[in-house]
């Protein structure tokens, strides 16, 4: 006991000494960010002792993170991007120290093979990029996404308990954010014009907000279905009602469509039709694109610049959408037409990740121009699949579609192959989430955002671990807690 007390006493004095050393350095140099280092070291030490806690903290931070720009060209998401860096470095070091934290079979899994091909091609496109600095930033961000939501997740999701805990933490965080946003929105009488203000600064706009909300609906439904106690089912029902109310008042048409697609995905999985539906969707989309492109048919559907405006009334907004006179829909067409025209100039390796804004304006057509075409917010093409085609070329889009198709295949395969009800539920839930993410990304580009990109790669990790764990015997299915 005395030896233990002396050891703790010595560690306390060492840590105190390190803090005062950095304090002296920061005062001498008049650079007070040096004080961050001892606290970062303490967090890393704590994370090394309890790595799960840091990972779970990252999941909890996702709904509450906000964008912060240090300069016009440098920004980050606080605090989750810092936590991603920490989690990536921590688990990479932990994996080097003890490779057994990730089951050996994971590295041979087909999903990780497809992911590796996708990432390898991104590296190739960075080398040929027209905007080298932006592409390198993109690559670095992708690295800590992989570290946090693939490497760390594979290490954490070795047990049912950890998967369940991660789902609860993420759901609670999103639910709290939904309640906060609803409360703020209620003060403005749930005005359509004020919805973006109600979700700021935690979400860039109502599209990002609603996209994260819908991804939690299947999770809560899974908990509701599995709950045995009436009281728990009651509170889960309340939580679902709040979430659906928040989705309704997000006024995001894409999210409403995606939610319906999520329910359809569950039915398709159960009928073994999900992969067939995915291939059919690709064929229909490509056929429509070629039909519009031939003989420049798309010019027949150009809108009237003077009547295409933003509507503060949501009813008028829906009517304008139907008539192709809503400014957000019209602006999408403006950028989509430019995107398709860009492909022929760099179809192989694209213009490089992060390069769309710097390149697209010379490819636009005045007939599709809108009141917001000056694009002051520097947003992209509002279609993730087109964005990949432009920035990473035809192979980039192909490799991503291959990865997405493989994920849908495993959602369906695991649901029908696995006997364990827990892993079957995880498979169908993650499958529904992936379909909803794919749907919203047809009208947006959210895979590279912290709110949605994190969920996409977490689902991939879940498919891998469900497959690995479900193949093991009952005595070896999970590692000890």
Foldseek 3Di string as FASTA:
>chain_A
DVVVVVVVVVVVVVLVVVQVVLVVVCVVVVPNCSNVVSVLVVVLVVCLVPVLVLLLVLLLCQLVWFKDAPDPVDIDIPPNLVSLVSQLVSLVVVCVVPVPLAPPVLCVDVLVVLVVVLLVLQVVLLVQAPDNVQQVVLNVLVSSLCSNQPSNLSSQPQDPVSVLSSLVSNLVSLLVLLVQLVVQCVVVVLFQLCSQVSNPRSDNALLLSLLLLLLSLLVLVLCLVPDDDPVVNVVSVVSNVSSVVSNVSSLDPLSVVLSVLLVVLLVCLVVVNNLVVLVVVVVVVVVVVVVCPPVVVVLVVQDDQVQQEDDRHSVVQVVCVVVVSHNLSLVLSQLLQLLVQLCVVPQAAANHPPCALVPRPVSGDVSSDYPCNVPPVSFGNQAQLSNQCHHGHPVSSVSVSVSLSVLLVLLSVLLVPFPPPSLNSLSSSLNSSSSSLNSSNRRGRPCSPSSNVSSNSNSSSSSSSSVVLRVDDPVPSGDDD
